[in-house]
PDB file of N, CA and C in Angstrom:
ATOM      1  N   MET A   1     -76.603   5.277 -56.851  1.00  0.00           N
ATOM      2  CA  MET A   1     -75.401   5.171 -57.656  1.00  0.00           C
ATOM      3  C   MET A   1     -75.809   4.998 -59.121  1.00  0.00           C
ATOM      4  N   GLY A   2     -75.308   5.886 -59.981  1.00  0.00           N
ATOM      5  CA  GLY A   2     -75.655   5.825 -61.389  1.00  0.00           C
ATOM      6  C   GLY A   2     -74.589   5.139 -62.214  1.00  0.00           C
ATOM      7  N   LEU A   3     -74.960   4.739 -63.384  1.00  0.00           N
ATOM      8  CA  LEU A   3     -74.031   4.078 -64.305  1.00  0.00           C
ATOM      9  C   LEU A   3     -72.875   4.978 -64.720  1.00  0.00           C
ATOM     10  N   LEU A   4     -73.079   6.295 -64.669  1.00  0.00           N
ATOM     11  CA  LEU A   4     -72.073   7.228 -65.164  1.00  0.00           C
ATOM     12  C   LEU A   4     -71.446   8.080 -64.067  1.00  0.00           C
ATOM     13  N   ASP A   5     -71.550   7.653 -62.817  1.00  0.00           N
ATOM     14  CA  ASP A   5     -70.967   8.396 -61.705  1.00  0.00           C
ATOM     15  C   ASP A   5     -69.491   8.689 -61.963  1.00  0.00           C
ATOM     16  N   GLY A   6     -69.116   9.947 -61.792  1.00  0.00           N
ATOM     17  CA  GLY A   6     -67.722  10.338 -61.929  1.00  0.00           C
ATOM     18  C   GLY A   6     -67.255  10.558 -63.357  1.00  0.00           C
ATOM     19  N   LYS A   7     -68.096  10.323 -64.321  1.00  0.00           N
ATOM     20  CA  LYS A   7     -67.738  10.522 -65.730  1.00  0.00           C
ATOM     21  C   LYS A   7     -68.143  11.927 -66.153  1.00  0.00           C
ATOM     22  N   THR A   8     -67.428  12.449 -67.147  1.00  0.00           N
ATOM     23  CA  THR A   8     -67.760  13.752 -67.720  1.00  0.00           C
ATOM     24  C   THR A   8     -68.062  13.570 -69.193  1.00  0.00           C
ATOM     25  N   ALA A   9     -69.200  14.113 -69.618  1.00  0.00           N
ATOM     26  CA  ALA A   9     -69.633  13.990 -71.003  1.00  0.00           C
ATOM     27  C   ALA A   9     -69.769  15.362 -71.648  1.00  0.00           C
ATOM     28  N   ILE A  10     -69.379  15.442 -72.918  1.00  0.00           N
ATOM     29  CA  ILE A  10     -69.710  16.592 -73.754  1.00  0.00           C
ATOM     30  C   ILE A  10     -70.849  16.141 -74.654  1.00  0.00           C
ATOM     31  N   ILE A  11     -71.916  16.922 -74.679  1.00  0.00           N
ATOM     32  CA  ILE A  11     -73.057  16.620 -75.537  1.00  0.00           C
ATOM     33  C   ILE A  11     -73.298  17.849 -76.409  1.00  0.00           C
ATOM     34  N   THR A  12     -73.147  17.686 -77.716  1.00  0.00           N
ATOM     35  CA  THR A  12     -73.354  18.830 -78.610  1.00  0.00           C
ATOM     36  C   THR A  12     -74.836  18.972 -78.939  1.00  0.00           C
ATOM     37  N   GLY A  13     -75.258  20.206 -79.104  1.00  0.00           N
ATOM     38  CA  GLY A  13     -76.641  20.480 -79.485  1.00  0.00           C
ATOM     39  C   GLY A  13     -77.659  20.022 -78.471  1.00  0.00           C
ATOM     40  N   ALA A  14     -77.395  20.270 -77.196  1.00  0.00           N
ATOM     41  CA  ALA A  14     -78.261  19.729 -76.151  1.00  0.00           C
ATOM     42  C   ALA A  14     -79.342  20.687 -75.670  1.00  0.00           C
ATOM     43  N   SER A  15     -79.503  21.824 -76.308  1.00  0.00           N
ATOM     44  CA  SER A  15     -80.499  22.765 -75.802  1.00  0.00           C
ATOM     45  C   SER A  15     -81.923  22.366 -76.162  1.00  0.00           C
ATOM     46  N   LYS A  16     -82.072  21.401 -77.078  1.00  0.00           N
ATOM     47  CA  LYS A  16     -83.416  20.959 -77.463  1.00  0.00           C
ATOM     48  C   LYS A  16     -83.352  19.561 -78.065  1.00  0.00           C
ATOM     49  N   GLY A  17     -84.497  18.950 -78.220  1.00  0.00           N
ATOM     50  CA  GLY A  17     -84.618  17.673 -78.913  1.00  0.00           C
ATOM     51  C   GLY A  17     -83.860  16.516 -78.296  1.00  0.00           C
ATOM     52  N   ILE A  18     -83.262  15.703 -79.160  1.00  0.00           N
ATOM     53  CA  ILE A  18     -82.567  14.487 -78.731  1.00  0.00           C
ATOM     54  C   ILE A  18     -81.386  14.817 -77.823  1.00  0.00           C
ATOM     55  N   GLY A  19     -80.635  15.857 -78.155  1.00  0.00           N
ATOM     56  CA  GLY A  19     -79.494  16.247 -77.324  1.00  0.00           C
ATOM     57  C   GLY A  19     -79.909  16.577 -75.905  1.00  0.00           C
ATOM     58  N   ARG A  20     -81.017  17.270 -75.768  1.00  0.00           N
ATOM     59  CA  ARG A  20     -81.533  17.611 -74.436  1.00  0.00           C
ATOM     60  C   ARG A  20     -81.914  16.348 -73.663  1.00  0.00           C
ATOM     61  N   ALA A  21     -82.592  15.431 -74.325  1.00  0.00           N
ATOM     62  CA  ALA A  21     -82.997  14.181 -73.672  1.00  0.00           C
ATOM     63  C   ALA A  21     -81.775  13.380 -73.222  1.00  0.00           C
ATOM     64  N   ILE A  22     -80.748  13.369 -74.045  1.00  0.00           N
ATOM     65  CA  ILE A  22     -79.511  12.661 -73.671  1.00  0.00           C
ATOM     66  C   ILE A  22     -78.885  13.324 -72.447  1.00  0.00           C
ATOM     67  N   ALA A  23     -78.803  14.653 -72.452  1.00  0.00           N
ATOM     68  CA  ALA A  23     -78.235  15.370 -71.304  1.00  0.00           C
ATOM     69  C   ALA A  23     -79.009  15.053 -70.026  1.00  0.00           C
ATOM     70  N   GLU A  24     -80.317  15.043 -70.116  1.00  0.00           N
ATOM     71  CA  GLU A  24     -81.148  14.736 -68.948  1.00  0.00           C
ATOM     72  C   GLU A  24     -80.858  13.329 -68.418  1.00  0.00           C
ATOM     73  N   LYS A  25     -80.754  12.356 -69.306  1.00  0.00           N
ATOM     74  CA  LYS A  25     -80.477  10.968 -68.897  1.00  0.00           C
ATOM     75  C   LYS A  25     -79.082  10.829 -68.290  1.00  0.00           C
ATOM     76  N   TYR A  26     -78.104  11.494 -68.898  1.00  0.00           N
ATOM     77  CA  TYR A  26     -76.734  11.409 -68.380  1.00  0.00           C
ATOM     78  C   TYR A  26     -76.655  11.987 -66.974  1.00  0.00           C
ATOM     79  N   VAL A  27     -77.303  13.130 -66.753  1.00  0.00           N
ATOM     80  CA  VAL A  27     -77.319  13.723 -65.411  1.00  0.00           C
ATOM     81  C   VAL A  27     -78.013  12.778 -64.436  1.00  0.00           C
ATOM     82  N   ALA A  28     -79.120  12.182 -64.855  1.00  0.00           N
ATOM     83  CA  ALA A  28     -79.845  11.238 -63.990  1.00  0.00           C
ATOM     84  C   ALA A  28     -78.986  10.034 -63.626  1.00  0.00           C
ATOM     85  N   GLN A  29     -78.042   9.683 -64.498  1.00  0.00           N
ATOM     86  CA  GLN A  29     -77.148   8.546 -64.236  1.00  0.00           C
ATOM     87  C   GLN A  29     -75.839   8.966 -63.571  1.00  0.00           C
ATOM     88  N   GLY A  30     -75.739  10.237 -63.157  1.00  0.00           N
ATOM     89  CA  GLY A  30     -74.606  10.685 -62.364  1.00  0.00           C
ATOM     90  C   GLY A  30     -73.455  11.315 -63.118  1.00  0.00           C
ATOM     91  N   ALA A  31     -73.616  11.568 -64.408  1.00  0.00           N
ATOM     92  CA  ALA A  31     -72.523  12.170 -65.186  1.00  0.00           C
ATOM     93  C   ALA A  31     -72.495  13.680 -65.010  1.00  0.00           C
ATOM     94  N   ASN A  32     -71.294  14.225 -65.007  1.00  0.00           N
ATOM     95  CA  ASN A  32     -71.110  15.658 -65.166  1.00  0.00           C
ATOM     96  C   ASN A  32     -71.298  15.931 -66.651  1.00  0.00           C
ATOM     97  N   VAL A  33     -72.000  17.005 -66.982  1.00  0.00           N
ATOM     98  CA  VAL A  33     -72.341  17.250 -68.381  1.00  0.00           C
ATOM     99  C   VAL A  33     -71.932  18.656 -68.811  1.00  0.00           C
ATOM    100  N   ALA A  34     -71.122  18.703 -69.861  1.00  0.00           N
ATOM    101  CA  ALA A  34     -70.838  19.939 -70.578  1.00  0.00           C
ATOM    102  C   ALA A  34     -71.603  19.817 -71.885  1.00  0.00           C
ATOM    103  N   PHE A  35     -72.442  20.798 -72.175  1.00  0.00           N
ATOM    104  CA  PHE A  35     -73.222  20.689 -73.403  1.00  0.00           C
ATOM    105  C   PHE A  35     -73.080  21.961 -74.220  1.00  0.00           C
ATOM    106  N   THR A  36     -73.364  21.834 -75.512  1.00  0.00           N
ATOM    107  CA  THR A  36     -73.281  23.000 -76.386  1.00  0.00           C
ATOM    108  C   THR A  36     -74.647  23.391 -76.914  1.00  0.00           C
ATOM    109  N   TYR A  37     -74.722  24.644 -77.250  1.00  0.00           N
ATOM    110  CA  TYR A  37     -75.875  25.191 -77.951  1.00  0.00           C
ATOM    111  C   TYR A  37     -75.317  26.247 -78.883  1.00  0.00           C
ATOM    112  N   LEU A  38     -76.080  26.615 -79.882  1.00  0.00           N
ATOM    113  CA  LEU A  38     -75.606  27.627 -80.812  1.00  0.00           C
ATOM    114  C   LEU A  38     -76.591  28.785 -80.907  1.00  0.00           C
ATOM    115  N   SER A  39     -77.752  28.541 -81.461  1.00  0.00           N
ATOM    116  CA  SER A  39     -78.704  29.637 -81.656  1.00  0.00           C
ATOM    117  C   SER A  39     -79.728  29.744 -80.528  1.00  0.00           C
ATOM    118  N   SER A  40     -79.879  28.714 -79.751  1.00  0.00           N
ATOM    119  CA  SER A  40     -80.893  28.692 -78.691  1.00  0.00           C
ATOM    120  C   SER A  40     -80.285  29.082 -77.350  1.00  0.00           C
ATOM    121  N   VAL A  41     -79.804  30.313 -77.248  1.00  0.00           N
ATOM    122  CA  VAL A  41     -79.121  30.770 -76.038  1.00  0.00           C
ATOM    123  C   VAL A  41     -80.019  30.657 -74.811  1.00  0.00           C
ATOM    124  N   GLU A  42     -81.240  31.130 -74.920  1.00  0.00           N
ATOM    125  CA  GLU A  42     -82.148  31.083 -73.771  1.00  0.00           C
ATOM    126  C   GLU A  42     -82.426  29.649 -73.341  1.00  0.00           C
ATOM    127  N   LYS A  43     -82.623  28.767 -74.319  1.00  0.00           N
ATOM    128  CA  LYS A  43     -82.871  27.358 -73.997  1.00  0.00           C
ATOM    129  C   LYS A  43     -81.634  26.722 -73.358  1.00  0.00           C
ATOM    130  N   GLY A  44     -80.464  27.084 -73.832  1.00  0.00           N
ATOM    131  CA  GLY A  44     -79.230  26.565 -73.251  1.00  0.00           C
ATOM    132  C   GLY A  44     -79.054  26.995 -71.811  1.00  0.00           C
ATOM    133  N   GLU A  45     -79.284  28.278 -71.559  1.00  0.00           N
ATOM    134  CA  GLU A  45     -79.173  28.787 -70.190  1.00  0.00           C
ATOM    135  C   GLU A  45     -80.221  28.163 -69.279  1.00  0.00           C
ATOM    136  N   ALA A  46     -81.426  27.975 -69.784  1.00  0.00           N
ATOM    137  CA  ALA A  46     -82.488  27.352 -68.989  1.00  0.00           C
ATOM    138  C   ALA A  46     -82.155  25.900 -68.666  1.00  0.00           C
ATOM    139  N   LEU A  47     -81.603  25.179 -69.641  1.00  0.00           N
ATOM    140  CA  LEU A  47     -81.241  23.780 -69.404  1.00  0.00           C
ATOM    141  C   LEU A  47     -80.150  23.666 -68.353  1.00  0.00           C
ATOM    142  N   GLU A  48     -79.164  24.549 -68.409  1.00  0.00           N
ATOM    143  CA  GLU A  48     -78.096  24.523 -67.399  1.00  0.00           C
ATOM    144  C   GLU A  48     -78.684  24.685 -65.999  1.00  0.00           C
ATOM    145  N   LYS A  49     -79.588  25.640 -65.837  1.00  0.00           N
ATOM    146  CA  LYS A  49     -80.219  25.853 -64.528  1.00  0.00           C
ATOM    147  C   LYS A  49     -81.060  24.647 -64.116  1.00  0.00           C
ATOM    148  N   GLU A  50     -81.802  24.098 -65.063  1.00  0.00           N
ATOM    149  CA  GLU A  50     -82.682  22.969 -64.774  1.00  0.00           C
ATOM    150  C   GLU A  50     -81.913  21.725 -64.335  1.00  0.00           C
ATOM    151  N   LEU A  51     -80.791  21.446 -64.998  1.00  0.00           N
ATOM    152  CA  LEU A  51     -80.047  20.214 -64.721  1.00  0.00           C
ATOM    153  C   LEU A  51     -79.071  20.346 -63.564  1.00  0.00           C
ATOM    154  N   SER A  52     -78.764  21.556 -63.148  1.00  0.00           N
ATOM    155  CA  SER A  52     -77.826  21.765 -62.046  1.00  0.00           C
ATOM    156  C   SER A  52     -78.531  21.466 -60.732  1.00  0.00           C
ATOM    157  N   ASN A  53     -78.357  20.247 -60.256  1.00  0.00           N
ATOM    158  CA  ASN A  53     -79.056  19.812 -59.049  1.00  0.00           C
ATOM    159  C   ASN A  53     -78.140  19.676 -57.847  1.00  0.00           C
ATOM    160  N   GLY A  54     -76.881  20.048 -57.999  1.00  0.00           N
ATOM    161  CA  GLY A  54     -75.953  19.982 -56.878  1.00  0.00           C
ATOM    162  C   GLY A  54     -75.170  18.694 -56.793  1.00  0.00           C
ATOM    163  N   SER A  55     -75.688  17.602 -57.320  1.00  0.00           N
ATOM    164  CA  SER A  55     -74.965  16.335 -57.219  1.00  0.00           C
ATOM    165  C   SER A  55     -73.987  16.131 -58.374  1.00  0.00           C
ATOM    166  N   VAL A  56     -74.219  16.826 -59.481  1.00  0.00           N
ATOM    167  CA  VAL A  56     -73.303  16.762 -60.623  1.00  0.00           C
ATOM    168  C   VAL A  56     -73.059  18.177 -61.128  1.00  0.00           C
ATOM    169  N   LYS A  57     -72.013  18.320 -61.909  1.00  0.00           N
ATOM    170  CA  LYS A  57     -71.685  19.618 -62.497  1.00  0.00           C
ATOM    171  C   LYS A  57     -72.252  19.667 -63.907  1.00  0.00           C
ATOM    172  N   VAL A  58     -72.927  20.759 -64.231  1.00  0.00           N
ATOM    173  CA  VAL A  58     -73.518  20.948 -65.562  1.00  0.00           C
ATOM    174  C   VAL A  58     -73.166  22.355 -66.034  1.00  0.00           C
ATOM    175  N   LYS A  59     -72.672  22.444 -67.266  1.00  0.00           N
ATOM    176  CA  LYS A  59     -72.355  23.756 -67.819  1.00  0.00           C
ATOM    177  C   LYS A  59     -72.613  23.763 -69.316  1.00  0.00           C
ATOM    178  N   GLY A  60     -73.272  24.817 -69.779  1.00  0.00           N
ATOM    179  CA  GLY A  60     -73.527  24.998 -71.203  1.00  0.00           C
ATOM    180  C   GLY A  60     -72.500  25.923 -71.821  1.00  0.00           C
ATOM    181  N   TYR A  61     -72.147  25.638 -73.062  1.00  0.00           N
ATOM    182  CA  TYR A  61     -71.180  26.442 -73.808  1.00  0.00           C
ATOM    183  C   TYR A  61     -71.791  26.804 -75.155  1.00  0.00           C
ATOM    184  N   ARG A  62     -71.692  28.057 -75.533  1.00  0.00           N
ATOM    185  CA  ARG A  62     -72.128  28.452 -76.874  1.00  0.00           C
ATOM    186  C   ARG A  62     -70.984  28.111 -77.816  1.00  0.00           C
ATOM    187  N   SER A  63     -71.212  27.119 -78.695  1.00  0.00           N
ATOM    188  CA  SER A  63     -70.148  26.617 -79.555  1.00  0.00           C
ATOM    189  C   SER A  63     -70.745  25.968 -80.789  1.00  0.00           C
ATOM    190  N   ASP A  64     -70.020  26.058 -81.903  1.00  0.00           N
ATOM    191  CA  ASP A  64     -70.431  25.468 -83.171  1.00  0.00           C
ATOM    192  C   ASP A  64     -69.582  24.229 -83.428  1.00  0.00           C
ATOM    193  N   ALA A  65     -70.178  23.052 -83.334  1.00  0.00           N
ATOM    194  CA  ALA A  65     -69.445  21.787 -83.490  1.00  0.00           C
ATOM    195  C   ALA A  65     -68.881  21.606 -84.895  1.00  0.00           C
ATOM    196  N   SER A  66     -69.395  22.340 -85.877  1.00  0.00           N
ATOM    197  CA  SER A  66     -68.884  22.199 -87.241  1.00  0.00           C
ATOM    198  C   SER A  66     -67.656  23.074 -87.496  1.00  0.00           C
ATOM    199  N   ASP A  67     -67.280  23.903 -86.526  1.00  0.00           N
ATOM    200  CA  ASP A  67     -66.119  24.785 -86.639  1.00  0.00           C
ATOM    201  C   ASP A  67     -64.969  24.164 -85.843  1.00  0.00           C
ATOM    202  N   PHE A  68     -63.909  23.738 -86.549  1.00  0.00           N
ATOM    203  CA  PHE A  68     -62.809  23.021 -85.897  1.00  0.00           C
ATOM    204  C   PHE A  68     -62.190  23.831 -84.756  1.00  0.00           C
ATOM    205  N   ALA A  69     -61.915  25.110 -84.997  1.00  0.00           N
ATOM    206  CA  ALA A  69     -61.297  25.945 -83.963  1.00  0.00           C
ATOM    207  C   ALA A  69     -62.211  26.071 -82.744  1.00  0.00           C
ATOM    208  N   ALA A  70     -63.507  26.209 -82.982  1.00  0.00           N
ATOM    209  CA  ALA A  70     -64.463  26.304 -81.875  1.00  0.00           C
ATOM    210  C   ALA A  70     -64.528  24.990 -81.097  1.00  0.00           C
ATOM    211  N   ALA A  71     -64.470  23.875 -81.812  1.00  0.00           N
ATOM    212  CA  ALA A  71     -64.491  22.568 -81.152  1.00  0.00           C
ATOM    213  C   ALA A  71     -63.233  22.360 -80.311  1.00  0.00           C
ATOM    214  N   GLU A  72     -62.112  22.783 -80.834  1.00  0.00           N
ATOM    215  CA  GLU A  72     -60.856  22.683 -80.090  1.00  0.00           C
ATOM    216  C   GLU A  72     -60.912  23.520 -78.808  1.00  0.00           C
ATOM    217  N   LYS A  73     -61.430  24.741 -78.928  1.00  0.00           N
ATOM    218  CA  LYS A  73     -61.564  25.604 -77.756  1.00  0.00           C
ATOM    219  C   LYS A  73     -62.536  25.013 -76.743  1.00  0.00           C
ATOM    220  N   LEU A  74     -63.615  24.420 -77.233  1.00  0.00           N
ATOM    221  CA  LEU A  74     -64.576  23.775 -76.341  1.00  0.00           C
ATOM    222  C   LEU A  74     -63.894  22.692 -75.510  1.00  0.00           C
ATOM    223  N   VAL A  75     -63.129  21.845 -76.163  1.00  0.00           N
ATOM    224  CA  VAL A  75     -62.430  20.770 -75.446  1.00  0.00           C
ATOM    225  C   VAL A  75     -61.492  21.355 -74.394  1.00  0.00           C
ATOM    226  N   GLU A  76     -60.736  22.370 -74.757  1.00  0.00           N
ATOM    227  CA  GLU A  76     -59.831  23.020 -73.795  1.00  0.00           C
ATOM    228  C   GLU A  76     -60.603  23.582 -72.608  1.00  0.00           C
ATOM    229  N   ASP A  77     -61.720  24.258 -72.889  1.00  0.00           N
ATOM    230  CA  ASP A  77     -62.528  24.863 -71.826  1.00  0.00           C
ATOM    231  C   ASP A  77     -63.138  23.804 -70.905  1.00  0.00           C
ATOM    232  N   VAL A  78     -63.617  22.714 -71.491  1.00  0.00           N
ATOM    233  CA  VAL A  78     -64.226  21.648 -70.684  1.00  0.00           C
ATOM    234  C   VAL A  78     -63.182  20.972 -69.798  1.00  0.00           C
ATOM    235  N   VAL A  79     -62.024  20.688 -70.346  1.00  0.00           N
ATOM    236  CA  VAL A  79     -60.959  20.070 -69.535  1.00  0.00           C
ATOM    237  C   VAL A  79     -60.545  21.017 -68.407  1.00  0.00           C
ATOM    238  N   ALA A  80     -60.438  22.306 -68.702  1.00  0.00           N
ATOM    239  CA  ALA A  80     -60.082  23.275 -67.658  1.00  0.00           C
ATOM    240  C   ALA A  80     -61.147  23.330 -66.569  1.00  0.00           C
ATOM    241  N   GLU A  81     -62.416  23.249 -66.943  1.00  0.00           N
ATOM    242  CA  GLU A  81     -63.525  23.364 -65.984  1.00  0.00           C
ATOM    243  C   GLU A  81     -63.804  22.057 -65.243  1.00  0.00           C
ATOM    244  N   PHE A  82     -63.777  20.931 -65.966  1.00  0.00           N
ATOM    245  CA  PHE A  82     -64.189  19.641 -65.398  1.00  0.00           C
ATOM    246  C   PHE A  82     -63.018  18.715 -65.061  1.00  0.00           C
ATOM    247  N   GLY A  83     -61.855  18.970 -65.669  1.00  0.00           N
ATOM    248  CA  GLY A  83     -60.684  18.146 -65.386  1.00  0.00           C
ATOM    249  C   GLY A  83     -60.510  16.935 -66.281  1.00  0.00           C
ATOM    250  N   GLN A  84     -61.538  16.550 -66.997  1.00  0.00           N
ATOM    251  CA  GLN A  84     -61.477  15.350 -67.840  1.00  0.00           C
ATOM    252  C   GLN A  84     -62.653  15.328 -68.796  1.00  0.00           C
ATOM    253  N   ILE A  85     -62.513  14.521 -69.830  1.00  0.00           N
ATOM    254  CA  ILE A  85     -63.626  14.208 -70.748  1.00  0.00           C
ATOM    255  C   ILE A  85     -63.606  12.696 -70.946  1.00  0.00           C
ATOM    256  N   ASP A  86     -64.724  12.053 -70.642  1.00  0.00           N
ATOM    257  CA  ASP A  86     -64.817  10.604 -70.783  1.00  0.00           C
ATOM    258  C   ASP A  86     -65.720  10.183 -71.941  1.00  0.00           C
ATOM    259  N   ILE A  87     -66.686  11.025 -72.266  1.00  0.00           N
ATOM    260  CA  ILE A  87     -67.716  10.664 -73.252  1.00  0.00           C
ATOM    261  C   ILE A  87     -67.979  11.879 -74.139  1.00  0.00           C
ATOM    262  N   VAL A  88     -68.124  11.631 -75.438  1.00  0.00           N
ATOM    263  CA  VAL A  88     -68.535  12.686 -76.363  1.00  0.00           C
ATOM    264  C   VAL A  88     -69.741  12.177 -77.142  1.00  0.00           C
ATOM    265  N   VAL A  89     -70.825  12.954 -77.110  1.00  0.00           N
ATOM    266  CA  VAL A  89     -72.029  12.637 -77.868  1.00  0.00           C
ATOM    267  C   VAL A  89     -72.218  13.785 -78.853  1.00  0.00           C
ATOM    268  N   ASN A  90     -72.066  13.463 -80.136  1.00  0.00           N
ATOM    269  CA  ASN A  90     -72.142  14.502 -81.160  1.00  0.00           C
ATOM    270  C   ASN A  90     -73.215  14.122 -82.179  1.00  0.00           C
TER     271      ASN A  90
END
């Protein structure tokens, strides 16, 4: 049982660096994770495959967090896919 079981998190910029480490920890603690990437498409797709272990839902979205319309669409897409958003890491 993880600290974040049943929670859904959006993590921006998770295809590399600190964002990736946060996504890995959240999945390890039982969170469903929606994450964004922008220029690192291959890294984003690889991370989605790596973190998808069957016990939680993980999905990457190509999105620019500095673009208001893109951020709004991201939230709509995540709610449609996951049903809720409990945590945002930006």
